N, C-alpha and C. Protein backbone atom coordinates (compact mmCIF):
# COMPACT_ATOMS: atom_id res chain seq x y z
N MET A 1 48.60 32.87 98.02
CA MET A 1 49.28 34.23 98.50
C MET A 1 49.48 35.03 97.45
N GLY A 2 48.82 36.44 97.78
CA GLY A 2 48.87 37.48 96.87
C GLY A 2 50.06 38.05 96.81
N LEU A 3 50.51 38.70 95.71
CA LEU A 3 51.87 39.49 95.64
C LEU A 3 52.08 40.31 96.77
N GLU A 4 51.27 41.25 97.10
CA GLU A 4 51.34 42.02 98.24
C GLU A 4 52.05 41.39 99.60
N GLN A 5 51.21 40.14 99.94
CA GLN A 5 51.61 39.32 100.85
C GLN A 5 52.95 38.92 100.74
N ILE A 6 53.36 38.31 99.61
CA ILE A 6 54.53 38.02 99.40
C ILE A 6 55.75 38.83 99.63
N LEU A 7 55.42 40.17 99.18
CA LEU A 7 56.38 41.35 99.46
C LEU A 7 56.57 41.70 100.82
N ARG A 8 55.26 41.62 101.68
CA ARG A 8 55.49 42.08 103.04
C ARG A 8 55.92 40.92 103.93
N GLN A 9 55.97 39.63 103.64
CA GLN A 9 56.38 38.58 104.37
C GLN A 9 58.13 38.27 104.16
N THR A 10 58.43 38.93 103.13
CA THR A 10 59.91 38.86 102.49
C THR A 10 60.71 39.59 103.32
N ARG A 11 61.82 39.16 103.95
CA ARG A 11 62.97 39.80 104.51
C ARG A 11 64.22 39.77 103.87
N THR A 12 64.60 38.63 103.04
CA THR A 12 65.84 38.51 102.53
C THR A 12 65.63 38.29 100.83
N VAL A 13 66.60 38.94 100.02
CA VAL A 13 66.23 38.56 98.61
C VAL A 13 67.66 38.42 98.03
N ALA A 14 67.71 37.43 97.25
CA ALA A 14 68.91 37.35 96.42
C ALA A 14 68.52 37.72 94.99
N VAL A 15 69.55 38.25 94.38
CA VAL A 15 69.31 38.76 92.94
C VAL A 15 70.29 38.13 92.13
N VAL A 16 69.66 37.20 91.50
CA VAL A 16 70.34 36.29 90.70
C VAL A 16 70.66 36.64 88.98
N GLY A 17 71.84 37.00 89.14
CA GLY A 17 72.10 37.79 87.50
C GLY A 17 72.45 39.20 87.76
N ALA A 18 72.48 39.68 89.14
CA ALA A 18 72.71 41.04 89.26
C ALA A 18 73.78 41.51 88.50
N SER A 19 73.63 42.87 88.18
CA SER A 19 74.68 43.36 87.23
C SER A 19 75.07 44.69 88.03
N ALA A 20 76.53 44.92 87.82
CA ALA A 20 77.36 46.21 88.24
C ALA A 20 76.92 47.42 87.01
N ASN A 21 76.46 46.99 85.89
CA ASN A 21 76.16 47.92 84.64
C ASN A 21 75.00 48.74 84.94
N PRO A 22 75.28 50.10 85.19
CA PRO A 22 73.92 50.75 85.43
C PRO A 22 72.81 50.71 84.28
N ALA A 23 73.22 50.39 82.97
CA ALA A 23 72.16 50.23 82.16
C ALA A 23 71.38 48.90 82.03
N ARG A 24 71.88 47.92 82.74
CA ARG A 24 71.10 46.50 82.84
C ARG A 24 69.65 46.74 83.84
N PRO A 25 68.87 45.95 83.31
CA PRO A 25 67.70 45.96 84.18
C PRO A 25 67.89 45.64 85.73
N SER A 26 68.69 44.45 85.96
CA SER A 26 69.24 43.93 87.17
C SER A 26 69.78 44.98 87.83
N TYR A 27 70.57 45.94 87.33
CA TYR A 27 71.23 46.75 88.32
C TYR A 27 70.22 47.76 88.71
N GLY A 28 69.19 48.22 87.93
CA GLY A 28 68.20 49.06 88.08
C GLY A 28 67.14 48.60 89.35
N VAL A 29 67.14 47.42 89.48
CA VAL A 29 65.88 46.60 90.42
C VAL A 29 67.09 46.64 91.87
N TYR A 30 68.23 46.09 91.66
CA TYR A 30 68.93 46.07 92.89
C TYR A 30 69.12 47.54 93.35
N ALA A 31 69.39 48.47 92.67
CA ALA A 31 69.61 49.82 93.45
C ALA A 31 68.29 50.22 93.96
N TYR A 32 67.26 50.07 93.31
CA TYR A 32 65.82 50.34 93.91
C TYR A 32 65.70 49.80 95.06
N LEU A 33 65.87 48.35 95.10
CA LEU A 33 65.60 47.95 96.33
C LEU A 33 66.52 48.25 97.43
N ARG A 34 67.79 48.27 97.09
CA ARG A 34 68.56 48.53 98.09
C ARG A 34 68.27 50.20 98.76
N ALA A 35 67.86 51.33 97.82
CA ALA A 35 67.49 52.31 98.25
C ALA A 35 66.28 52.69 99.04
N ASN A 36 65.10 51.82 98.80
CA ASN A 36 63.64 51.85 99.01
C ASN A 36 63.26 50.72 99.95
N THR A 37 64.12 49.77 100.16
CA THR A 37 63.26 48.70 101.24
C THR A 37 63.96 48.30 102.16
N ASP A 38 63.60 47.61 103.25
CA ASP A 38 64.60 47.09 104.26
C ASP A 38 64.95 45.65 104.21
N TYR A 39 64.66 45.05 102.75
CA TYR A 39 65.10 44.03 102.66
C TYR A 39 66.66 43.73 102.57
N GLU A 40 66.97 42.58 103.21
CA GLU A 40 68.42 42.31 103.18
C GLU A 40 68.62 41.61 101.80
N LEU A 41 69.80 42.40 100.95
CA LEU A 41 70.10 41.85 99.41
C LEU A 41 71.17 41.35 99.29
N TYR A 42 71.15 39.97 98.38
CA TYR A 42 72.36 39.42 98.32
C TYR A 42 72.51 39.31 96.81
N PRO A 43 73.31 40.03 96.17
CA PRO A 43 73.32 40.16 94.41
C PRO A 43 74.28 38.65 94.38
N VAL A 44 73.83 37.85 93.21
CA VAL A 44 74.72 36.78 92.76
C VAL A 44 75.11 37.09 91.37
N ASN A 45 76.30 36.62 91.22
CA ASN A 45 76.67 36.75 89.61
C ASN A 45 78.07 36.20 89.89
N PRO A 46 78.30 35.15 89.29
CA PRO A 46 79.57 34.63 89.28
C PRO A 46 80.79 35.28 88.82
N THR A 47 80.50 36.38 87.65
CA THR A 47 81.70 37.35 86.91
C THR A 47 81.99 38.82 87.79
N ILE A 48 81.14 38.88 88.58
CA ILE A 48 81.65 40.21 89.13
C ILE A 48 81.89 39.87 90.76
N THR A 49 82.63 40.78 91.50
CA THR A 49 82.80 40.52 92.89
C THR A 49 82.07 41.79 93.74
N GLU A 50 81.75 42.83 93.09
CA GLU A 50 80.94 43.73 93.75
C GLU A 50 79.97 44.67 93.14
N ILE A 51 79.04 45.25 93.52
CA ILE A 51 78.23 46.19 92.83
C ILE A 51 78.17 47.27 94.04
N ASP A 52 78.61 48.54 93.52
CA ASP A 52 78.60 49.76 94.50
C ASP A 52 79.20 49.89 95.81
N GLY A 53 80.25 48.60 95.84
CA GLY A 53 80.90 48.42 97.09
C GLY A 53 80.15 47.26 97.94
N GLU A 54 79.03 46.87 97.29
CA GLU A 54 78.53 45.61 98.30
C GLU A 54 79.20 44.49 97.50
N THR A 55 79.23 43.17 98.42
CA THR A 55 79.70 41.93 97.91
C THR A 55 78.64 41.31 97.12
N VAL A 56 79.24 40.79 96.14
CA VAL A 56 78.37 39.89 95.12
C VAL A 56 79.07 38.43 95.05
N TYR A 57 78.05 37.71 95.34
CA TYR A 57 78.38 36.31 95.55
C TYR A 57 78.25 35.54 94.33
N PRO A 58 79.32 34.35 94.44
CA PRO A 58 79.26 33.96 93.08
C PRO A 58 78.20 32.88 92.96
N SER A 59 77.42 32.39 93.84
CA SER A 59 76.28 31.52 93.52
C SER A 59 75.29 31.49 94.68
N LEU A 60 74.26 30.84 94.65
CA LEU A 60 73.39 30.80 95.84
C LEU A 60 73.81 30.04 97.05
N ALA A 61 74.59 29.16 96.58
CA ALA A 61 75.30 28.13 97.64
C ALA A 61 76.26 29.11 98.61
N ASP A 62 76.78 30.08 98.05
CA ASP A 62 77.88 30.83 98.76
C ASP A 62 77.23 31.94 99.56
N LEU A 63 75.84 32.13 99.67
CA LEU A 63 75.10 33.29 100.49
C LEU A 63 75.30 32.57 101.78
N PRO A 64 75.33 33.66 102.78
CA PRO A 64 75.49 33.35 104.43
C PRO A 64 74.20 33.17 104.88
N VAL A 65 73.21 33.23 103.90
CA VAL A 65 71.47 32.94 104.46
C VAL A 65 71.02 32.11 103.14
N VAL A 66 69.92 31.44 103.67
CA VAL A 66 69.03 30.99 102.55
C VAL A 66 68.03 32.10 102.28
N PRO A 67 67.86 32.73 101.23
CA PRO A 67 66.93 33.88 101.05
C PRO A 67 65.56 33.46 101.04
N ASP A 68 64.54 34.56 101.38
CA ASP A 68 62.88 34.24 101.46
C ASP A 68 62.63 34.53 100.10
N LEU A 69 63.29 34.90 99.11
CA LEU A 69 62.80 35.34 97.76
C LEU A 69 63.99 35.37 96.99
N VAL A 70 63.92 34.42 95.88
CA VAL A 70 65.09 34.47 94.66
C VAL A 70 64.49 35.23 93.57
N ASP A 71 64.96 36.36 93.41
CA ASP A 71 64.57 37.18 91.98
C ASP A 71 65.62 36.74 91.10
N VAL A 72 65.16 36.38 89.71
CA VAL A 72 65.90 35.88 88.71
C VAL A 72 65.96 36.63 87.50
N PHE A 73 67.22 37.01 87.20
CA PHE A 73 67.60 37.88 85.88
C PHE A 73 68.49 37.06 85.02
N ARG A 74 67.89 35.83 84.48
CA ARG A 74 68.75 34.93 83.66
C ARG A 74 68.05 34.75 82.46
N ARG A 75 68.88 34.27 81.53
CA ARG A 75 68.13 33.87 80.19
C ARG A 75 67.00 32.70 80.49
N TYR A 76 66.29 32.53 79.42
CA TYR A 76 65.28 31.50 79.48
C TYR A 76 65.56 30.17 79.80
N GLU A 77 67.00 29.97 78.83
CA GLU A 77 67.24 28.44 78.94
C GLU A 77 68.33 28.18 80.16
N GLU A 78 68.70 29.28 80.97
CA GLU A 78 69.17 28.97 82.14
C GLU A 78 68.36 28.86 83.20
N LEU A 79 67.21 29.03 83.30
CA LEU A 79 66.13 28.80 84.42
C LEU A 79 66.26 27.53 84.96
N PRO A 80 66.15 26.41 84.26
CA PRO A 80 66.30 25.13 85.09
C PRO A 80 67.35 25.29 85.58
N ALA A 81 68.64 25.48 85.51
CA ALA A 81 69.57 25.14 86.05
C ALA A 81 69.84 26.14 87.41
N VAL A 82 69.08 27.30 87.32
CA VAL A 82 68.78 28.24 88.46
C VAL A 82 67.81 27.59 89.39
N LEU A 83 66.91 26.95 88.98
CA LEU A 83 66.16 26.20 89.86
C LEU A 83 66.97 25.19 90.41
N ASP A 84 67.73 24.22 89.63
CA ASP A 84 68.31 22.96 90.46
C ASP A 84 69.29 23.62 91.52
N GLU A 85 69.79 25.11 91.41
CA GLU A 85 70.70 25.64 92.48
C GLU A 85 70.00 26.22 93.52
N VAL A 86 68.59 26.60 93.33
CA VAL A 86 67.51 26.80 94.41
C VAL A 86 67.39 25.50 95.18
N LEU A 87 67.14 24.50 94.44
CA LEU A 87 66.75 23.12 95.07
C LEU A 87 67.92 22.39 96.11
N ALA A 88 68.77 22.88 95.47
CA ALA A 88 70.23 22.28 96.45
C ALA A 88 70.37 23.12 97.73
N LEU A 89 69.79 24.15 97.86
CA LEU A 89 70.05 24.98 99.27
C LEU A 89 69.49 24.02 100.48
N PRO A 90 70.02 24.34 101.57
CA PRO A 90 69.57 23.43 102.63
C PRO A 90 68.15 23.62 103.04
N THR A 91 67.51 24.39 102.87
CA THR A 91 66.05 24.98 103.17
C THR A 91 65.63 25.47 101.86
N ARG A 92 64.49 25.39 101.47
CA ARG A 92 63.54 26.13 100.33
C ARG A 92 63.67 27.63 100.55
N PRO A 93 63.83 28.43 100.03
CA PRO A 93 63.42 29.67 99.86
C PRO A 93 61.83 29.83 99.48
N LYS A 94 61.06 30.62 100.15
CA LYS A 94 59.63 30.86 100.00
C LYS A 94 59.11 31.14 98.61
N THR A 95 60.11 31.73 97.92
CA THR A 95 59.52 32.54 96.57
C THR A 95 60.41 32.33 95.64
N LEU A 96 60.16 31.89 94.54
CA LEU A 96 60.96 32.11 93.22
C LEU A 96 60.23 33.09 92.27
N TRP A 97 60.95 34.06 91.97
CA TRP A 97 60.69 35.47 91.38
C TRP A 97 61.41 35.35 89.84
N LEU A 98 60.49 35.42 88.92
CA LEU A 98 61.23 35.39 87.29
C LEU A 98 60.85 36.53 87.24
N GLN A 99 61.82 37.38 86.82
CA GLN A 99 61.68 38.90 86.43
C GLN A 99 60.64 39.05 85.25
N GLN A 100 60.37 40.09 84.87
CA GLN A 100 59.49 40.64 83.82
C GLN A 100 60.14 39.87 82.37
N GLY A 101 59.35 39.44 81.75
CA GLY A 101 59.77 38.81 80.43
C GLY A 101 60.27 37.46 80.58
N LEU A 102 60.26 36.92 81.68
CA LEU A 102 60.70 35.51 81.94
C LEU A 102 59.49 34.55 82.34
N PHE A 103 59.22 33.51 81.44
CA PHE A 103 58.20 32.69 81.98
C PHE A 103 58.66 31.50 81.58
N HIS A 104 58.74 30.44 82.60
CA HIS A 104 58.91 29.11 82.11
C HIS A 104 57.95 28.18 82.88
N GLU A 105 57.30 27.43 81.98
CA GLU A 105 56.18 26.41 82.87
C GLU A 105 56.64 25.45 83.59
N GLN A 106 57.84 24.74 83.04
CA GLN A 106 58.20 23.59 83.71
C GLN A 106 58.96 24.02 85.02
N VAL A 107 59.78 25.04 85.06
CA VAL A 107 60.45 25.67 86.15
C VAL A 107 59.32 25.97 87.10
N GLY A 108 58.19 26.72 86.50
CA GLY A 108 57.13 27.05 87.75
C GLY A 108 56.45 25.87 88.30
N ARG A 109 56.24 24.85 87.62
CA ARG A 109 55.55 23.67 88.21
C ARG A 109 56.54 23.03 89.04
N ASP A 110 57.87 22.86 88.74
CA ASP A 110 58.80 22.29 89.74
C ASP A 110 59.49 22.82 90.80
N ALA A 111 59.35 24.40 90.98
CA ALA A 111 59.27 25.05 91.98
C ALA A 111 58.13 24.86 92.93
N GLN A 112 56.79 24.98 92.38
CA GLN A 112 55.91 24.55 93.32
C GLN A 112 55.49 23.33 93.87
N ALA A 113 56.14 22.53 93.03
CA ALA A 113 56.01 20.96 93.59
C ALA A 113 56.94 20.82 94.73
N ALA A 114 57.77 21.79 94.69
CA ALA A 114 58.88 21.63 95.60
C ALA A 114 58.51 22.54 96.91
N GLY A 115 57.14 23.15 96.86
CA GLY A 115 56.79 23.87 97.91
C GLY A 115 56.86 25.39 97.87
N MET A 116 57.54 25.82 96.75
CA MET A 116 57.72 27.38 96.73
C MET A 116 56.53 28.04 96.09
N GLN A 117 56.39 29.24 96.47
CA GLN A 117 55.48 30.09 95.77
C GLN A 117 56.12 30.56 94.50
N VAL A 118 55.60 30.85 93.44
CA VAL A 118 56.04 31.12 91.98
C VAL A 118 55.62 32.36 91.56
N VAL A 119 56.21 33.36 91.13
CA VAL A 119 55.96 34.54 90.64
C VAL A 119 56.64 34.61 89.16
N MET A 120 55.83 34.92 88.14
CA MET A 120 56.78 35.10 86.84
C MET A 120 56.24 36.05 86.07
N ASP A 121 57.31 36.60 85.16
CA ASP A 121 56.81 37.49 84.11
C ASP A 121 56.48 39.16 85.06
N ARG A 122 57.18 39.41 86.03
CA ARG A 122 56.77 40.27 87.08
C ARG A 122 57.99 41.23 87.36
N CYS A 123 58.03 42.30 87.45
CA CYS A 123 59.03 43.18 87.76
C CYS A 123 58.83 43.41 89.58
N LEU A 124 60.19 42.91 90.24
CA LEU A 124 59.84 43.26 91.76
C LEU A 124 59.84 44.60 91.95
N LYS A 125 60.45 45.37 91.42
CA LYS A 125 60.90 46.63 91.69
C LYS A 125 59.42 47.34 91.60
N VAL A 126 58.75 47.10 90.36
CA VAL A 126 57.50 47.78 89.88
C VAL A 126 56.38 47.24 91.00
N ASP A 127 56.41 45.90 91.54
CA ASP A 127 55.47 45.34 92.33
C ASP A 127 55.80 46.00 93.77
N TYR A 128 57.11 46.20 94.14
CA TYR A 128 57.06 46.69 95.46
C TYR A 128 56.59 48.22 95.55
N ASP A 129 57.04 48.77 94.30
CA ASP A 129 56.64 50.32 94.28
C ASP A 129 55.07 50.52 94.39
N LEU A 130 54.40 49.82 93.68
CA LEU A 130 52.79 49.86 93.34
C LEU A 130 52.17 49.25 94.68
N LEU A 131 52.55 48.24 95.17
CA LEU A 131 51.92 47.64 96.28
C LEU A 131 52.22 47.85 97.80
N ILE A 132 53.67 48.34 97.88
CA ILE A 132 54.02 48.47 99.30
C ILE A 132 54.51 50.07 99.40
N ARG A 133 55.18 50.45 98.46
CA ARG A 133 55.70 52.15 98.87
C ARG A 133 54.73 52.91 98.64
N ARG A 134 53.96 52.96 97.68
CA ARG A 134 53.05 53.67 97.43
C ARG A 134 51.41 53.20 97.96
N GLY A 135 51.45 51.89 98.04
CA GLY A 135 50.05 51.38 98.62
C GLY A 135 49.67 51.72 100.05
């Protein structure tokens, strides 16, 4: 499945590693998606409770839904633990998206083996803007 199809079929997005700091890339992506998409967004970060008045969830397990897409802003060494959290959900998200700069071959293989689509080293905001908003 291509990127455009993934983006069009997605309805709910968990942003793992979302930040309330406007200088952080995760804040920019979250704010863009909130302003420019119809996605239901679920920021995930155990160290904060809100971003611009929106609830931030401490973990994927705390979300009220299983998201279609999990967008990950975490360090490389934390990616296996994020995948473990994803795989522990009651049903599998359709897509694991590792943000620009993140590529983890084993995490990608394991997510695919679990039936998920995997996108690595790409920015959700950039791809949405190019393929959907302007497309």
